[in-house]
N, C-alpha and C. Protein backbone atom coordinates (compact mmCIF):
# COMPACT_ATOMS: atom_id res chain seq x y z
N UNK A 1 20.29 17.82 -18.79
CA UNK A 1 18.95 17.53 -17.75
C UNK A 1 19.29 16.49 -16.63
N UNK A 2 19.84 15.65 -17.04
CA UNK A 2 20.37 14.60 -15.69
C UNK A 2 21.23 15.47 -15.10
N UNK A 3 22.13 16.13 -15.04
CA UNK A 3 22.78 17.43 -14.13
C UNK A 3 21.67 18.39 -13.54
N UNK A 4 20.71 18.37 -14.26
CA UNK A 4 19.56 19.12 -12.80
C UNK A 4 19.00 17.95 -12.15
N UNK A 5 18.76 16.74 -12.61
CA UNK A 5 17.64 15.69 -11.97
C UNK A 5 18.70 15.39 -10.79
N UNK A 6 20.28 15.42 -10.65
CA UNK A 6 21.04 14.93 -9.60
C UNK A 6 21.09 15.97 -8.87
N UNK A 7 21.21 17.41 -9.24
CA UNK A 7 20.91 18.81 -8.26
C UNK A 7 20.07 19.09 -7.46
N UNK A 8 18.76 18.24 -7.80
CA UNK A 8 17.37 18.45 -7.12
C UNK A 8 17.43 17.50 -5.94
N UNK A 9 18.18 16.50 -5.93
CA UNK A 9 18.37 15.33 -5.11
C UNK A 9 19.03 15.93 -3.92
N UNK A 10 20.23 16.54 -4.36
CA UNK A 10 21.41 17.31 -3.42
C UNK A 10 20.87 17.90 -2.47
N UNK A 11 20.29 19.57 -3.59
CA UNK A 11 19.47 20.51 -2.45
C UNK A 11 18.10 20.17 -1.99
N UNK A 12 18.22 20.82 -0.71
CA UNK A 12 16.81 20.66 -0.11
C UNK A 12 15.80 21.48 -0.84
N UNK A 13 14.69 20.72 -0.62
CA UNK A 13 13.21 21.74 -1.59
C UNK A 13 13.36 23.01 -1.23
N UNK A 14 13.61 23.37 -0.62
CA UNK A 14 13.47 24.70 0.30
C UNK A 14 14.17 26.02 -0.75
N UNK A 15 15.62 24.93 -1.24
CA UNK A 15 16.42 25.93 -1.90
C UNK A 15 16.53 25.79 -3.13
N UNK A 16 15.42 25.09 -3.99
CA UNK A 16 15.30 24.59 -4.95
C UNK A 16 15.65 25.91 -5.68
N UNK A 17 15.21 26.63 -5.75
CA UNK A 17 15.44 28.30 -6.65
C UNK A 17 16.53 28.78 -6.48
N UNK A 18 16.79 28.75 -5.15
CA UNK A 18 18.56 29.21 -5.28
C UNK A 18 19.62 28.32 -5.53
N UNK A 19 18.97 27.08 -5.84
CA UNK A 19 20.02 26.31 -6.30
C UNK A 19 19.85 26.34 -7.80
N UNK A 20 18.77 26.31 -8.61
CA UNK A 20 18.45 26.32 -9.89
C UNK A 20 19.62 27.74 -10.22
N UNK A 21 19.34 29.12 -9.60
CA UNK A 21 19.86 29.89 -9.76
C UNK A 21 21.65 29.68 -9.92
N UNK A 22 22.15 29.53 -9.15
CA UNK A 22 23.50 29.27 -9.21
C UNK A 22 24.17 28.43 -9.82
N UNK A 23 23.21 27.24 -10.12
CA UNK A 23 23.46 26.35 -11.14
C UNK A 23 23.43 27.00 -12.67
N UNK A 24 22.83 27.82 -12.82
CA UNK A 24 22.63 29.07 -13.77
C UNK A 24 23.57 29.61 -14.58
N UNK A 25 24.12 30.59 -12.94
CA UNK A 25 25.22 31.67 -13.00
C UNK A 25 26.41 30.58 -13.22
N UNK A 26 26.43 29.64 -12.63
CA UNK A 26 27.84 28.65 -13.07
C UNK A 26 28.10 28.43 -13.88
N UNK A 27 26.56 27.94 -15.02
CA UNK A 27 27.13 27.64 -16.42
C UNK A 27 26.81 29.06 -17.45
N UNK A 28 26.99 29.77 -16.93
CA UNK A 28 26.55 31.55 -17.96
C UNK A 28 28.13 31.78 -17.34
N UNK A 29 28.80 31.50 -16.16
CA UNK A 29 30.26 32.10 -16.43
C UNK A 29 31.48 30.72 -17.25
N UNK A 30 30.50 30.12 -16.90
CA UNK A 30 31.42 28.99 -17.68
C UNK A 30 31.73 29.20 -19.31
N UNK A 31 30.56 29.28 -19.75
CA UNK A 31 30.04 29.92 -21.13
C UNK A 31 30.72 30.84 -21.64
N UNK A 32 31.01 31.88 -20.89
CA UNK A 32 31.61 33.11 -21.08
C UNK A 32 33.63 33.13 -20.54
N UNK A 33 34.04 32.16 -20.30
CA UNK A 33 34.96 31.61 -19.87
C UNK A 33 35.48 30.94 -21.24
N UNK A 34 35.05 30.25 -21.49
CA UNK A 34 35.54 28.98 -22.77
C UNK A 34 35.13 30.21 -23.85
N UNK A 35 34.39 31.02 -24.14
CA UNK A 35 34.64 31.68 -25.74
C UNK A 35 35.44 32.94 -25.34
N UNK A 36 35.66 33.77 -24.29
CA UNK A 36 37.22 34.55 -23.78
C UNK A 36 38.33 33.62 -24.00
N UNK A 37 38.65 32.31 -23.44
CA UNK A 37 39.70 32.19 -23.15
C UNK A 37 40.02 31.00 -24.43
N UNK A 38 39.10 30.31 -25.14
CA UNK A 38 39.39 29.08 -26.44
C UNK A 38 38.96 29.92 -27.96
N UNK A 39 37.77 29.92 -28.17
CA UNK A 39 36.73 30.60 -28.74
C UNK A 39 37.29 31.88 -29.62
N UNK A 40 37.29 33.03 -29.01
CA UNK A 40 37.65 34.37 -29.77
C UNK A 40 39.20 34.23 -29.90
N UNK A 41 40.29 33.47 -28.93
CA UNK A 41 41.23 33.77 -29.45
C UNK A 41 41.63 33.03 -30.91
N UNK A 42 41.05 31.62 -30.53
CA UNK A 42 41.67 30.96 -32.02
C UNK A 42 40.74 31.17 -33.01
N UNK A 43 40.23 32.75 -33.13
CA UNK A 43 39.46 33.15 -34.29
C UNK A 43 40.15 34.78 -34.98
N UNK A 44 40.57 34.64 -34.29
CA UNK A 44 41.17 35.96 -33.73
C UNK A 44 42.49 36.02 -34.69
N UNK A 45 43.27 35.03 -34.93
CA UNK A 45 44.69 34.75 -35.86
C UNK A 45 44.39 35.06 -36.92
N UNK A 46 43.07 34.54 -37.21
CA UNK A 46 42.87 34.45 -39.09
C UNK A 46 42.84 35.80 -39.15
């Protein structure tokens, strides 16, 4: 929540929708990387 409030102050008001979409896509990619590089390989050895 604090990250979104900070991002809203950095991004001009006209680009808030694009900034929110970019943040969402970035967090989605981070989630995929964490799952494929750390979580799935750890549990596949069992």
